[in-house]
PDB file of N, CA and C in Angstrom:
ATOM      1  N   MET A   1       8.306  12.377   4.993  1.00  0.00           N
ATOM      2  CA  MET A   1       9.273  11.284   4.817  1.00  0.00           C
ATOM      3  C   MET A   1       9.669  11.127   5.952  1.00  0.00           C
ATOM      4  N   ALA A   2       9.982  11.917   7.019  1.00  0.00           N
ATOM      5  CA  ALA A   2      10.298  11.887   8.283  1.00  0.00           C
ATOM      6  C   ALA A   2       9.263  11.188   9.255  1.00  0.00           C
ATOM      7  N   LEU A   3       7.886  11.502   8.974  1.00  0.00           N
ATOM      8  CA  LEU A   3       6.827  11.080   9.440  1.00  0.00           C
ATOM      9  C   LEU A   3       6.865   9.435   9.173  1.00  0.00           C
ATOM     10  N   GLY A   4       7.011   9.004   8.200  1.00  0.00           N
ATOM     11  CA  GLY A   4       6.976   7.681   7.771  1.00  0.00           C
ATOM     12  C   GLY A   4       8.237   6.863   8.520  1.00  0.00           C
ATOM     13  N   ALA A   5       9.409   7.600   8.671  1.00  0.00           N
ATOM     14  CA  ALA A   5      10.021   6.840   8.839  1.00  0.00           C
ATOM     15  C   ALA A   5       9.982   6.357  10.491  1.00  0.00           C
ATOM     16  N   ALA A   6       9.227   7.900  11.276  1.00  0.00           N
ATOM     17  CA  ALA A   6       9.264   7.391  12.784  1.00  0.00           C
ATOM     18  C   ALA A   6       7.965   6.522  12.733  1.00  0.00           C
ATOM     19  N   PHE A   7       7.032   6.660  11.989  1.00  0.00           N
ATOM     20  CA  PHE A   7       5.934   5.516  11.896  1.00  0.00           C
ATOM     21  C   PHE A   7       6.554   4.199  11.791  1.00  0.00           C
ATOM     22  N   SER A   8       7.257   3.912  11.012  1.00  0.00           N
ATOM     23  CA  SER A   8       8.113   2.702  10.951  1.00  0.00           C
ATOM     24  C   SER A   8       8.623   1.960  12.204  1.00  0.00           C
ATOM     25  N   LEU A   9       9.684   2.852  12.645  1.00  0.00           N
ATOM     26  CA  LEU A   9      10.347   3.208  13.639  1.00  0.00           C
ATOM     27  C   LEU A   9       9.504   2.729  15.009  1.00  0.00           C
ATOM     28  N   CYS A  10       8.510   3.101  15.320  1.00  0.00           N
ATOM     29  CA  CYS A  10       7.341   3.025  16.325  1.00  0.00           C
ATOM     30  C   CYS A  10       6.791   1.602  15.981  1.00  0.00           C
ATOM     31  N   LEU A  11       6.272   1.352  14.682  1.00  0.00           N
ATOM     32  CA  LEU A  11       5.726   0.070  14.643  1.00  0.00           C
ATOM     33  C   LEU A  11       6.448  -1.157  14.776  1.00  0.00           C
ATOM     34  N   PHE A  12       7.909  -0.944  14.363  1.00  0.00           N
ATOM     35  CA  PHE A  12       8.538  -2.624  14.562  1.00  0.00           C
ATOM     36  C   PHE A  12       9.659  -2.027  15.426  1.00  0.00           C
ATOM     37  N   ALA A  13       9.471  -1.438  16.810  1.00  0.00           N
ATOM     38  CA  ALA A  13      10.719  -1.040  17.719  1.00  0.00           C
ATOM     39  C   ALA A  13      11.071  -2.294  18.632  1.00  0.00           C
ATOM     40  N   ALA A  14      10.018  -3.510  18.729  1.00  0.00           N
ATOM     41  CA  ALA A  14      10.161  -4.582  19.229  1.00  0.00           C
ATOM     42  C   ALA A  14      10.266  -5.863  18.137  1.00  0.00           C
ATOM     43  N   PRO A  15      11.075  -6.264  18.211  1.00  0.00           N
ATOM     44  CA  PRO A  15      10.994  -7.718  17.508  1.00  0.00           C
ATOM     45  C   PRO A  15       9.902  -8.644  17.891  1.00  0.00           C
ATOM     46  N   CYS A  16       9.379  -9.101  16.577  1.00  0.00           N
ATOM     47  CA  CYS A  16       8.513 -10.265  16.808  1.00  0.00           C
ATOM     48  C   CYS A  16       8.985 -11.612  15.989  1.00  0.00           C
ATOM     49  N   ALA A  17       8.631 -12.442  16.303  1.00  0.00           N
ATOM     50  CA  ALA A  17       8.998 -13.928  16.093  1.00  0.00           C
ATOM     51  C   ALA A  17       8.918 -14.037  14.657  1.00  0.00           C
ATOM     52  N   ALA A  18       7.929 -13.502  14.030  1.00  0.00           N
ATOM     53  CA  ALA A  18       7.411 -13.621  12.590  1.00  0.00           C
ATOM     54  C   ALA A  18       8.829 -13.020  11.927  1.00  0.00           C
ATOM     55  N   ALA A  19       9.121 -12.144  12.340  1.00  0.00           N
ATOM     56  CA  ALA A  19      10.194 -11.095  11.540  1.00  0.00           C
ATOM     57  C   ALA A  19      11.399 -12.057  11.163  1.00  0.00           C
ATOM     58  N   GLU A  20      11.576 -13.428  12.074  1.00  0.00           N
ATOM     59  CA  GLU A  20      12.467 -13.831  11.618  1.00  0.00           C
ATOM     60  C   GLU A  20      12.225 -14.991  10.639  1.00  0.00           C
ATOM     61  N   ARG A  21      10.848 -15.143  10.257  1.00  0.00           N
ATOM     62  CA  ARG A  21      10.639 -16.043   9.297  1.00  0.00           C
ATOM     63  C   ARG A  21      10.595 -15.417   7.980  1.00  0.00           C
ATOM     64  N   ASP A  22      10.210 -14.165   8.121  1.00  0.00           N
ATOM     65  CA  ASP A  22       9.812 -13.239   6.924  1.00  0.00           C
ATOM     66  C   ASP A  22      10.791 -13.038   5.730  1.00  0.00           C
ATOM     67  N   SER A  23      10.495 -13.244   4.460  1.00  0.00           N
ATOM     68  CA  SER A  23      11.266 -12.654   3.409  1.00  0.00           C
ATOM     69  C   SER A  23      10.767 -11.693   2.665  1.00  0.00           C
ATOM     70  N   PHE A  24      11.553 -11.135   1.837  1.00  0.00           N
ATOM     71  CA  PHE A  24      10.866 -10.075   0.594  1.00  0.00           C
ATOM     72  C   PHE A  24      10.259 -11.106  -0.515  1.00  0.00           C
ATOM     73  N   GLY A  25      10.330 -12.204  -0.355  1.00  0.00           N
ATOM     74  CA  GLY A  25       9.656 -13.073  -1.516  1.00  0.00           C
ATOM     75  C   GLY A  25       8.839 -13.503  -0.714  1.00  0.00           C
ATOM     76  N   GLY A  26       8.011 -13.650   0.277  1.00  0.00           N
ATOM     77  CA  GLY A  26       7.141 -14.719   1.115  1.00  0.00           C
ATOM     78  C   GLY A  26       6.148 -14.877   0.284  1.00  0.00           C
ATOM     79  N   GLN A  27       5.220 -15.923   0.990  1.00  0.00           N
ATOM     80  CA  GLN A  27       4.089 -16.017   0.503  1.00  0.00           C
ATOM     81  C   GLN A  27       3.005 -15.432   0.352  1.00  0.00           C
ATOM     82  N   ASP A  28       2.963 -14.558   1.220  1.00  0.00           N
ATOM     83  CA  ASP A  28       1.689 -13.630   1.099  1.00  0.00           C
ATOM     84  C   ASP A  28       2.099 -12.332   0.480  1.00  0.00           C
ATOM     85  N   LYS A  29       3.044 -12.247  -0.364  1.00  0.00           N
ATOM     86  CA  LYS A  29       3.297 -10.794  -0.556  1.00  0.00           C
ATOM     87  C   LYS A  29       2.750 -10.632  -1.742  1.00  0.00           C
ATOM     88  N   ALA A  30       2.506 -11.561  -2.986  1.00  0.00           N
ATOM     89  CA  ALA A  30       1.490 -11.410  -4.229  1.00  0.00           C
ATOM     90  C   ALA A  30       0.028 -10.761  -3.643  1.00  0.00           C
ATOM     91  N   LEU A  31      -0.452 -10.953  -2.525  1.00  0.00           N
ATOM     92  CA  LEU A  31      -1.755 -10.703  -1.848  1.00  0.00           C
ATOM     93  C   LEU A  31      -1.294  -8.893  -1.705  1.00  0.00           C
ATOM     94  N   HIS A  32      -0.340  -8.861  -0.859  1.00  0.00           N
ATOM     95  CA  HIS A  32      -0.307  -7.155  -0.440  1.00  0.00           C
ATOM     96  C   HIS A  32      -0.165  -6.910  -1.880  1.00  0.00           C
ATOM     97  N   PHE A  33       0.385  -7.031  -2.490  1.00  0.00           N
ATOM     98  CA  PHE A  33       0.884  -6.422  -3.935  1.00  0.00           C
ATOM     99  C   PHE A  33      -0.547  -6.115  -4.879  1.00  0.00           C
ATOM    100  N   SER A  34      -1.133  -7.112  -5.088  1.00  0.00           N
ATOM    101  CA  SER A  34      -2.953  -7.265  -5.655  1.00  0.00           C
ATOM    102  C   SER A  34      -3.522  -6.424  -4.965  1.00  0.00           C
ATOM    103  N   ALA A  35      -3.563  -6.269  -3.586  1.00  0.00           N
ATOM    104  CA  ALA A  35      -4.628  -5.800  -3.095  1.00  0.00           C
ATOM    105  C   ALA A  35      -4.326  -4.326  -3.065  1.00  0.00           C
ATOM    106  N   CYS A  36      -3.137  -3.711  -2.853  1.00  0.00           N
ATOM    107  CA  CYS A  36      -3.013  -2.235  -2.967  1.00  0.00           C
ATOM    108  C   CYS A  36      -3.413  -1.935  -4.409  1.00  0.00           C
ATOM    109  N   PHE A  37      -2.776  -2.815  -5.420  1.00  0.00           N
ATOM    110  CA  PHE A  37      -2.883  -2.330  -6.664  1.00  0.00           C
ATOM    111  C   PHE A  37      -4.557  -2.209  -7.096  1.00  0.00           C
ATOM    112  N   LEU A  38      -5.247  -3.083  -6.555  1.00  0.00           N
ATOM    113  CA  LEU A  38      -6.750  -3.169  -6.705  1.00  0.00           C
ATOM    114  C   LEU A  38      -7.350  -1.780  -5.766  1.00  0.00           C
ATOM    115  N   ILE A  39      -6.895  -1.639  -5.024  1.00  0.00           N
ATOM    116  CA  ILE A  39      -7.485  -0.281  -3.978  1.00  0.00           C
ATOM    117  C   ILE A  39      -6.922   0.778  -4.780  1.00  0.00           C
ATOM    118  N   THR A  40      -5.832   0.780  -5.286  1.00  0.00           N
ATOM    119  CA  THR A  40      -5.327   2.240  -5.892  1.00  0.00           C
ATOM    120  C   THR A  40      -6.133   2.570  -7.066  1.00  0.00           C
ATOM    121  N   ALA A  41      -6.496   1.433  -8.031  1.00  0.00           N
ATOM    122  CA  ALA A  41      -7.287   1.241  -9.137  1.00  0.00           C
ATOM    123  C   ALA A  41      -8.592   2.068  -8.835  1.00  0.00           C
ATOM    124  N   ASP A  42      -9.272   1.610  -7.762  1.00  0.00           N
ATOM    125  CA  ASP A  42     -10.577   1.620  -7.493  1.00  0.00           C
ATOM    126  C   ASP A  42     -10.759   3.326  -6.674  1.00  0.00           C
ATOM    127  N   GLY A  43      -9.588   3.508  -5.911  1.00  0.00           N
ATOM    128  CA  GLY A  43      -9.431   4.990  -5.451  1.00  0.00           C
ATOM    129  C   GLY A  43      -9.418   5.867  -6.836  1.00  0.00           C
ATOM    130  N   TYR A  44      -8.386   5.645  -7.630  1.00  0.00           N
ATOM    131  CA  TYR A  44      -8.396   6.428  -9.083  1.00  0.00           C
ATOM    132  C   TYR A  44      -9.782   6.587  -9.725  1.00  0.00           C
ATOM    133  N   ALA A  45     -10.726   5.584  -9.791  1.00  0.00           N
ATOM    134  CA  ALA A  45     -11.706   5.599 -10.678  1.00  0.00           C
ATOM    135  C   ALA A  45     -12.876   6.253 -10.083  1.00  0.00           C
ATOM    136  N   SER A  46     -12.835   6.311  -8.890  1.00  0.00           N
ATOM    137  CA  SER A  46     -13.860   6.678  -8.101  1.00  0.00           C
ATOM    138  C   SER A  46     -13.441   8.426  -7.660  1.00  0.00           C
ATOM    139  N   THR A  47     -12.336   8.805  -7.543  1.00  0.00           N
ATOM    140  CA  THR A  47     -12.071   9.898  -7.772  1.00  0.00           C
ATOM    141  C   THR A  47     -12.116  10.695  -8.794  1.00  0.00           C
ATOM    142  N   SER A  48     -12.249   9.788  -9.863  1.00  0.00           N
ATOM    143  CA  SER A  48     -12.719  10.322 -11.311  1.00  0.00           C
ATOM    144  C   SER A  48     -14.041  11.142 -11.413  1.00  0.00           C
ATOM    145  N   LEU A  49     -15.077  10.079 -10.651  1.00  0.00           N
ATOM    146  CA  LEU A  49     -15.868  10.961 -10.508  1.00  0.00           C
ATOM    147  C   LEU A  49     -16.317  12.274  -9.959  1.00  0.00           C
ATOM    148  N   PHE A  50     -15.141  12.816  -9.226  1.00  0.00           N
ATOM    149  CA  PHE A  50     -15.367  14.294  -8.654  1.00  0.00           C
ATOM    150  C   PHE A  50     -14.270  15.131  -9.209  1.00  0.00           C
ATOM    151  N   THR A  51     -13.444  14.682 -10.008  1.00  0.00           N
ATOM    152  CA  THR A  51     -12.447  15.673 -10.316  1.00  0.00           C
ATOM    153  C   THR A  51     -11.793  15.359 -11.705  1.00  0.00           C
ATOM    154  N   ARG A  52     -11.317  16.297 -12.338  1.00  0.00           N
ATOM    155  CA  ARG A  52     -10.771  16.048 -13.865  1.00  0.00           C
ATOM    156  C   ARG A  52      -9.150  16.124 -13.775  1.00  0.00           C
ATOM    157  N   ARG A  53      -8.352  16.468 -12.658  1.00  0.00           N
ATOM    158  CA  ARG A  53      -7.540  16.428 -12.273  1.00  0.00           C
ATOM    159  C   ARG A  53      -6.659  15.161 -12.177  1.00  0.00           C
ATOM    160  N   GLU A  54      -5.641  14.597 -13.254  1.00  0.00           N
ATOM    161  CA  GLU A  54      -4.964  13.352 -12.895  1.00  0.00           C
ATOM    162  C   GLU A  54      -4.427  13.206 -11.723  1.00  0.00           C
ATOM    163  N   SER A  55      -3.390  14.358 -11.581  1.00  0.00           N
ATOM    164  CA  SER A  55      -2.707  14.114  -9.991  1.00  0.00           C
ATOM    165  C   SER A  55      -3.759  13.784  -8.921  1.00  0.00           C
ATOM    166  N   THR A  56      -4.820  14.499  -8.530  1.00  0.00           N
ATOM    167  CA  THR A  56      -5.367  14.231  -7.561  1.00  0.00           C
ATOM    168  C   THR A  56      -6.044  12.715  -7.528  1.00  0.00           C
ATOM    169  N   ARG A  57      -6.310  12.512  -8.936  1.00  0.00           N
ATOM    170  CA  ARG A  57      -6.871  11.103  -8.861  1.00  0.00           C
ATOM    171  C   ARG A  57      -5.780  10.025  -8.460  1.00  0.00           C
ATOM    172  N   VAL A  58      -4.411  10.173  -9.102  1.00  0.00           N
ATOM    173  CA  VAL A  58      -3.288   9.383  -8.643  1.00  0.00           C
ATOM    174  C   VAL A  58      -2.824   9.359  -7.203  1.00  0.00           C
ATOM    175  N   ALA A  59      -3.017  10.665  -6.531  1.00  0.00           N
ATOM    176  CA  ALA A  59      -2.547  11.037  -5.131  1.00  0.00           C
ATOM    177  C   ALA A  59      -3.802  10.273  -4.498  1.00  0.00           C
ATOM    178  N   VAL A  60      -5.028  10.463  -4.555  1.00  0.00           N
ATOM    179  CA  VAL A  60      -6.391   9.838  -3.676  1.00  0.00           C
ATOM    180  C   VAL A  60      -6.007   8.173  -3.954  1.00  0.00           C
ATOM    181  N   GLY A  61      -6.075   7.730  -4.531  1.00  0.00           N
ATOM    182  CA  GLY A  61      -5.951   6.323  -5.512  1.00  0.00           C
ATOM    183  C   GLY A  61      -4.522   5.476  -4.385  1.00  0.00           C
ATOM    184  N   ALA A  62      -3.248   6.248  -4.425  1.00  0.00           N
ATOM    185  CA  ALA A  62      -2.130   5.883  -3.770  1.00  0.00           C
ATOM    186  C   ALA A  62      -2.184   5.973  -2.572  1.00  0.00           C
ATOM    187  N   ALA A  63      -2.732   7.181  -1.879  1.00  0.00           N
ATOM    188  CA  ALA A  63      -2.724   7.317  -0.368  1.00  0.00           C
ATOM    189  C   ALA A  63      -4.105   6.357   0.294  1.00  0.00           C
ATOM    190  N   THR A  64      -4.670   5.768  -0.572  1.00  0.00           N
ATOM    191  CA  THR A  64      -6.001   4.817   0.210  1.00  0.00           C
ATOM    192  C   THR A  64      -5.208   3.510   0.181  1.00  0.00           C
ATOM    193  N   ALA A  65      -4.616   3.349  -0.595  1.00  0.00           N
ATOM    194  CA  ALA A  65      -3.945   1.772  -0.697  1.00  0.00           C
ATOM    195  C   ALA A  65      -2.977   1.915   0.491  1.00  0.00           C
ATOM    196  N   ILE A  66      -2.179   2.774   0.332  1.00  0.00           N
ATOM    197  CA  ILE A  66      -1.053   2.731   1.464  1.00  0.00           C
ATOM    198  C   ILE A  66      -1.639   2.800   2.866  1.00  0.00           C
ATOM    199  N   ALA A  67      -2.598   3.879   2.878  1.00  0.00           N
ATOM    200  CA  ALA A  67      -3.319   3.997   4.464  1.00  0.00           C
ATOM    201  C   ALA A  67      -3.770   2.462   4.507  1.00  0.00           C
ATOM    202  N   ALA A  68      -4.623   1.692   3.954  1.00  0.00           N
ATOM    203  CA  ALA A  68      -5.097   0.578   4.046  1.00  0.00           C
ATOM    204  C   ALA A  68      -4.201  -0.569   4.506  1.00  0.00           C
ATOM    205  N   GLY A  69      -2.829  -0.340   3.621  1.00  0.00           N
ATOM    206  CA  GLY A  69      -1.865  -1.442   3.994  1.00  0.00           C
ATOM    207  C   GLY A  69      -1.243  -1.025   5.072  1.00  0.00           C
ATOM    208  N   ALA A  70      -0.952   0.125   5.520  1.00  0.00           N
ATOM    209  CA  ALA A  70      -0.268   0.663   6.819  1.00  0.00           C
ATOM    210  C   ALA A  70      -1.235  -0.015   8.018  1.00  0.00           C
ATOM    211  N   ALA A  71      -2.649   0.485   7.848  1.00  0.00           N
ATOM    212  CA  ALA A  71      -3.381   0.295   8.774  1.00  0.00           C
ATOM    213  C   ALA A  71      -3.453  -1.285   8.893  1.00  0.00           C
ATOM    214  N   LYS A  72      -3.340  -2.195   7.947  1.00  0.00           N
ATOM    215  CA  LYS A  72      -3.216  -3.638   8.453  1.00  0.00           C
ATOM    216  C   LYS A  72      -2.257  -4.392   8.919  1.00  0.00           C
ATOM    217  N   GLU A  73      -0.885  -3.576   8.850  1.00  0.00           N
ATOM    218  CA  GLU A  73       0.384  -3.906   9.492  1.00  0.00           C
ATOM    219  C   GLU A  73       0.208  -3.548  10.760  1.00  0.00           C
ATOM    220  N   VAL A  74      -0.291  -2.295  11.130  1.00  0.00           N
ATOM    221  CA  VAL A  74      -0.620  -2.076  12.613  1.00  0.00           C
ATOM    222  C   VAL A  74      -1.417  -3.055  13.047  1.00  0.00           C
ATOM    223  N   TYR A  75      -2.517  -3.331  12.628  1.00  0.00           N
ATOM    224  CA  TYR A  75      -3.415  -4.201  13.219  1.00  0.00           C
ATOM    225  C   TYR A  75      -2.634  -5.480  13.539  1.00  0.00           C
ATOM    226  N   ASP A  76      -1.775  -6.111  12.401  1.00  0.00           N
ATOM    227  CA  ASP A  76      -1.146  -7.290  12.605  1.00  0.00           C
ATOM    228  C   ASP A  76      -0.054  -7.027  13.774  1.00  0.00           C
ATOM    229  N   ARG A  77       0.599  -5.651  14.041  1.00  0.00           N
ATOM    230  CA  ARG A  77       1.323  -6.037  15.184  1.00  0.00           C
ATOM    231  C   ARG A  77       0.932  -5.711  16.426  1.00  0.00           C
ATOM    232  N   TYR A  78      -0.027  -5.125  16.438  1.00  0.00           N
ATOM    233  CA  TYR A  78      -0.812  -4.895  18.010  1.00  0.00           C
ATOM    234  C   TYR A  78      -2.044  -6.223  18.373  1.00  0.00           C
ATOM    235  N   SER A  79      -2.019  -7.203  17.299  1.00  0.00           N
ATOM    236  CA  SER A  79      -2.958  -7.951  17.671  1.00  0.00           C
ATOM    237  C   SER A  79      -2.521  -9.385  17.816  1.00  0.00           C
ATOM    238  N   GLY A  80      -1.002  -9.636  17.838  1.00  0.00           N
ATOM    239  CA  GLY A  80      -0.193 -10.750  17.519  1.00  0.00           C
ATOM    240  C   GLY A  80      -0.115 -11.604  16.275  1.00  0.00           C
ATOM    241  N   GLY A  81      -0.329 -10.706  14.925  1.00  0.00           N
ATOM    242  CA  GLY A  81      -0.337 -11.213  13.644  1.00  0.00           C
ATOM    243  C   GLY A  81       1.271 -10.842  13.323  1.00  0.00           C
ATOM    244  N   ASP A  82       1.749 -10.951  12.280  1.00  0.00           N
ATOM    245  CA  ASP A  82       3.038 -11.113  11.610  1.00  0.00           C
ATOM    246  C   ASP A  82       3.085  -9.868  10.876  1.00  0.00           C
ATOM    247  N   ALA A  83       3.589  -8.421  11.308  1.00  0.00           N
ATOM    248  CA  ALA A  83       3.717  -7.468  10.919  1.00  0.00           C
ATOM    249  C   ALA A  83       5.106  -7.821  10.254  1.00  0.00           C
ATOM    250  N   SER A  84       5.222  -6.811   9.392  1.00  0.00           N
ATOM    251  CA  SER A  84       6.683  -6.948   8.220  1.00  0.00           C
ATOM    252  C   SER A  84       6.614  -5.658   7.440  1.00  0.00           C
ATOM    253  N   LEU A  85       7.917  -5.393   7.636  1.00  0.00           N
ATOM    254  CA  LEU A  85       8.181  -4.118   6.838  1.00  0.00           C
ATOM    255  C   LEU A  85       8.428  -4.509   5.169  1.00  0.00           C
ATOM    256  N   TYR A  86       8.614  -5.864   5.027  1.00  0.00           N
ATOM    257  CA  TYR A  86       8.138  -6.361   3.684  1.00  0.00           C
ATOM    258  C   TYR A  86       6.946  -6.178   3.171  1.00  0.00           C
ATOM    259  N   ASP A  87       6.074  -6.907   3.767  1.00  0.00           N
ATOM    260  CA  ASP A  87       4.506  -6.203   3.688  1.00  0.00           C
ATOM    261  C   ASP A  87       4.279  -4.934   3.246  1.00  0.00           C
ATOM    262  N   LEU A  88       5.006  -3.831   4.001  1.00  0.00           N
ATOM    263  CA  LEU A  88       4.764  -2.426   3.553  1.00  0.00           C
ATOM    264  C   LEU A  88       5.408  -2.165   2.355  1.00  0.00           C
ATOM    265  N   THR A  89       6.563  -2.773   1.891  1.00  0.00           N
ATOM    266  CA  THR A  89       6.900  -2.633   0.666  1.00  0.00           C
ATOM    267  C   THR A  89       6.367  -2.978  -0.253  1.00  0.00           C
ATOM    268  N   TRP A  90       5.674  -4.394  -0.240  1.00  0.00           N
ATOM    269  CA  TRP A  90       4.851  -4.907  -0.914  1.00  0.00           C
ATOM    270  C   TRP A  90       3.559  -3.956  -1.373  1.00  0.00           C
ATOM    271  N   ASN A  91       3.228  -3.302  -0.462  1.00  0.00           N
ATOM    272  CA  ASN A  91       2.042  -2.536  -0.495  1.00  0.00           C
ATOM    273  C   ASN A  91       2.187  -1.377  -1.199  1.00  0.00           C
ATOM    274  N   VAL A  92       3.566  -0.589  -0.991  1.00  0.00           N
ATOM    275  CA  VAL A  92       4.154   0.405  -1.541  1.00  0.00           C
ATOM    276  C   VAL A  92       4.018  -0.095  -3.028  1.00  0.00           C
ATOM    277  N   MET A  93       4.776  -0.794  -3.383  1.00  0.00           N
ATOM    278  CA  MET A  93       4.897  -1.141  -4.837  1.00  0.00           C
ATOM    279  C   MET A  93       3.714  -1.778  -5.705  1.00  0.00           C
ATOM    280  N   GLY A  94       2.592  -2.161  -5.063  1.00  0.00           N
ATOM    281  CA  GLY A  94       1.364  -2.287  -5.599  1.00  0.00           C
ATOM    282  C   GLY A  94       0.825  -0.948  -5.657  1.00  0.00           C
ATOM    283  N   ALA A  95       0.735  -0.342  -4.920  1.00  0.00           N
ATOM    284  CA  ALA A  95       0.145   0.915  -5.389  1.00  0.00           C
ATOM    285  C   ALA A  95       0.755   2.125  -6.135  1.00  0.00           C
ATOM    286  N   ALA A  96       1.779   2.117  -6.692  1.00  0.00           N
ATOM    287  CA  ALA A  96       2.415   2.686  -7.365  1.00  0.00           C
ATOM    288  C   ALA A  96       2.458   2.088  -8.769  1.00  0.00           C
ATOM    289  N   THR A  97       2.246   0.851  -8.579  1.00  0.00           N
ATOM    290  CA  THR A  97       1.861  -0.132 -10.010  1.00  0.00           C
ATOM    291  C   THR A  97       0.569   0.395 -10.443  1.00  0.00           C
ATOM    292  N   GLY A  98      -0.079  -0.039  -9.503  1.00  0.00           N
ATOM    293  CA  GLY A  98      -1.787   0.603  -9.618  1.00  0.00           C
ATOM    294  C   GLY A  98      -1.856   1.663 -10.171  1.00  0.00           C
ATOM    295  N   ALA A  99      -1.150   3.224  -9.501  1.00  0.00           N
ATOM    296  CA  ALA A  99      -1.399   4.305 -10.066  1.00  0.00           C
ATOM    297  C   ALA A  99      -0.969   4.450 -11.242  1.00  0.00           C
ATOM    298  N   VAL A 100       0.008   3.910 -11.616  1.00  0.00           N
ATOM    299  CA  VAL A 100       0.791   3.896 -12.845  1.00  0.00           C
ATOM    300  C   VAL A 100      -0.202   3.579 -14.343  1.00  0.00           C
ATOM    301  N   VAL A 101      -0.812   2.075 -13.662  1.00  0.00           N
ATOM    302  CA  VAL A 101      -1.638   1.430 -14.513  1.00  0.00           C
ATOM    303  C   VAL A 101      -2.984   2.172 -14.646  1.00  0.00           C
ATOM    304  N   SER A 102      -3.570   2.600 -13.808  1.00  0.00           N
ATOM    305  CA  SER A 102      -4.657   3.569 -13.849  1.00  0.00           C
ATOM    306  C   SER A 102      -4.428   4.629 -14.654  1.00  0.00           C
ATOM    307  N   TRP A 103      -3.391   5.268 -14.302  1.00  0.00           N
ATOM    308  CA  TRP A 103      -2.988   6.652 -15.496  1.00  0.00           C
ATOM    309  C   TRP A 103      -3.049   6.533 -16.540  1.00  0.00           C
ATOM    310  N   LEU A 104      -2.159   5.384 -17.037  1.00  0.00           N
ATOM    311  CA  LEU A 104      -1.967   5.069 -18.484  1.00  0.00           C
ATOM    312  C   LEU A 104      -3.411   4.709 -19.241  1.00  0.00           C
ATOM    313  N   VAL A 105      -4.090   3.722 -18.432  1.00  0.00           N
ATOM    314  CA  VAL A 105      -5.539   3.380 -19.041  1.00  0.00           C
ATOM    315  C   VAL A 105      -6.482   4.472 -19.284  1.00  0.00           C
ATOM    316  N   ASP A 106      -6.230   5.659 -18.093  1.00  0.00           N
ATOM    317  CA  ASP A 106      -7.091   6.857 -18.328  1.00  0.00           C
ATOM    318  C   ASP A 106      -6.704   7.662 -19.300  1.00  0.00           C
ATOM    319  N   ARG A 107      -5.457   7.407 -19.761  1.00  0.00           N
ATOM    320  CA  ARG A 107      -4.829   8.690 -20.543  1.00  0.00           C
ATOM    321  C   ARG A 107      -5.046   8.425 -21.812  1.00  0.00           C
ATOM    322  N   TYR A 108      -4.898   6.992 -22.030  1.00  0.00           N
ATOM    323  CA  TYR A 108      -4.794   6.520 -23.444  1.00  0.00           C
ATOM    324  C   TYR A 108      -6.136   5.398 -23.756  1.00  0.00           C
ATOM    325  N   LEU A 109      -6.822   5.207 -22.799  1.00  0.00           N
ATOM    326  CA  LEU A 109      -8.146   4.617 -23.611  1.00  0.00           C
ATOM    327  C   LEU A 109      -9.403   5.505 -23.628  1.00  0.00           C
ATOM    328  N   PHE A 110      -9.496   6.261 -22.322  1.00  0.00           N
ATOM    329  CA  PHE A 110     -10.556   7.253 -22.140  1.00  0.00           C
ATOM    330  C   PHE A 110     -10.402   8.804 -22.452  1.00  0.00           C
TER     331      PHE A 110
END
């Protein structure tokens, strides 16, 4: 938890002009949500080839999506893009939803 807070603080220590235009319901938030949702589902499904433990599948799927989303924000921050804490929030929400849906599908359909 502290590592995540430190990471966010370092990432967004210097304000950028895009932060003033960004909002929680911005145009690209659905893309962040859906991308992390799909990455989580793919990670869950891929991990099912290697283990039967549902907790491992959920953890690998969600961690993969959150890492990809965080890497995208780091790239945006240092390449002149529009890095945003709101984007990170939507990434986490997409990963969490993807993990729950993947687990439910696995549990009740397979």
